[in-house]
Each structure stands twice: as structure tokens, then as C-alpha cells.
Protein backbone atom coordinates (compact mmCIF):
# COMPACT_ATOMS: atom_id res chain seq x y z
CA UNK A 1 -147.37 -135.56 -77.42
CA UNK A 2 -151.01 -135.01 -78.41
CA UNK A 3 -152.17 -137.08 -81.38
CA UNK A 4 -155.63 -137.08 -82.95
CA UNK A 5 -157.35 -138.31 -86.10
CA UNK A 6 -159.38 -135.28 -87.16
CA UNK A 7 -161.28 -136.73 -90.09
CA UNK A 8 -161.29 -139.89 -92.17
CA UNK A 9 -163.37 -141.06 -95.11
CA UNK A 10 -163.64 -144.02 -97.47
CA UNK A 11 -165.42 -144.10 -100.82
CA UNK A 12 -166.20 -147.36 -102.65
CA UNK A 13 -166.28 -147.00 -106.44
CA UNK A 14 -167.04 -150.63 -107.33
CA UNK A 15 -167.35 -153.99 -105.54
CA UNK A 16 -164.13 -155.54 -104.21
CA UNK A 17 -163.31 -158.67 -102.24
CA UNK A 18 -161.28 -158.25 -99.05
CA UNK A 19 -160.03 -161.86 -99.32
CA UNK A 20 -158.30 -161.18 -102.66
CA UNK A 21 -155.14 -159.23 -103.52
CA UNK A 22 -155.52 -155.41 -103.36
CA UNK A 23 -152.93 -152.72 -104.03
CA UNK A 24 -152.94 -149.69 -101.71
CA UNK A 25 -151.24 -146.55 -103.08
CA UNK A 26 -150.75 -143.83 -100.46
CA UNK A 27 -149.44 -140.24 -100.51
CA UNK A 28 -149.29 -137.28 -98.15
CA UNK A 29 -149.96 -134.15 -100.22
CA UNK A 30 -149.80 -131.74 -97.26
CA UNK A 31 -148.23 -131.60 -93.79
CA UNK A 32 -147.78 -128.32 -91.91
CA UNK A 33 -148.79 -126.53 -88.71
CA UNK A 34 -149.02 -129.82 -86.73
CA UNK A 35 -151.59 -131.23 -89.20
CA UNK A 36 -151.23 -133.62 -92.08
CA UNK A 37 -153.36 -135.07 -94.85
CA UNK A 38 -152.97 -138.57 -96.25
CA UNK A 39 -154.85 -139.94 -99.25
CA UNK A 40 -154.93 -143.40 -100.73
CA UNK A 41 -156.27 -145.35 -103.68
CA UNK A 42 -157.09 -149.06 -103.65
CA UNK A 43 -156.89 -151.19 -106.82
CA UNK A 44 -157.90 -154.79 -107.48
CA UNK A 45 -155.76 -157.36 -109.28
CA UNK A 46 -157.24 -156.28 -112.65
CA UNK A 47 -156.03 -152.71 -112.04
CA UNK A 48 -159.50 -151.27 -111.42
CA UNK A 49 -159.70 -148.40 -108.94
CA UNK A 50 -162.09 -149.84 -106.33
CA UNK A 51 -161.86 -147.37 -103.43
CA UNK A 52 -160.41 -144.05 -102.25
CA UNK A 53 -159.50 -143.02 -98.70
CA UNK A 54 -158.48 -139.79 -96.96
CA UNK A 55 -157.39 -139.00 -93.40
CA UNK A 56 -156.40 -135.79 -91.65
CA UNK A 57 -154.36 -136.04 -88.48
CA UNK A 58 -152.78 -133.79 -85.87
CA UNK A 59 -149.59 -134.23 -83.83
CA UNK A 60 -148.64 -131.58 -81.27
CA UNK A 61 -145.84 -131.47 -78.74
CA UNK A 62 -146.98 -129.69 -75.53
CA UNK A 63 -145.35 -126.27 -75.13
CA UNK A 64 -144.50 -125.86 -78.84
CA UNK A 65 -146.32 -123.48 -81.17
CA UNK A 66 -147.36 -125.08 -84.51
CA UNK A 67 -145.47 -123.57 -87.44
CA UNK A 68 -142.81 -121.95 -85.22
């Protein structure tokens, strides 16, 4: 199996402390043709949206054609 992280990003919208409680909400809005996209939002205890993340990945099985 061939696995790769094609792209990943993180955007900080306001200051946040890593030593305090944070909620991470994740979804995968698209997955097809051996590639997938995952996005996430990070909130602090007060419910403020402090950061956003996105990652695109690829998983291929040798000898198989994506989408077939």
C-alpha cells in the first residue's frame, strides 16, 4: 500500500493555550480516486473558534486503478 500526505495546513484565528481544554471537530467532505480531504476546527473552552486545519491524503494499493 502506498500512503502519502499530499498537503496540510493550519490557520490560527486567535490565541489559544495548548495546556488547556480544546475541542477538535473533524469531518471528511470528500474521498474518491484514492485521495481524501479532511478538515477540522478547534474551539477553546469558551466556544471560540481558535484554529482551522485541512489535510489531503492519498492511499493506493499497487496494481489497482483509482476509481475502478
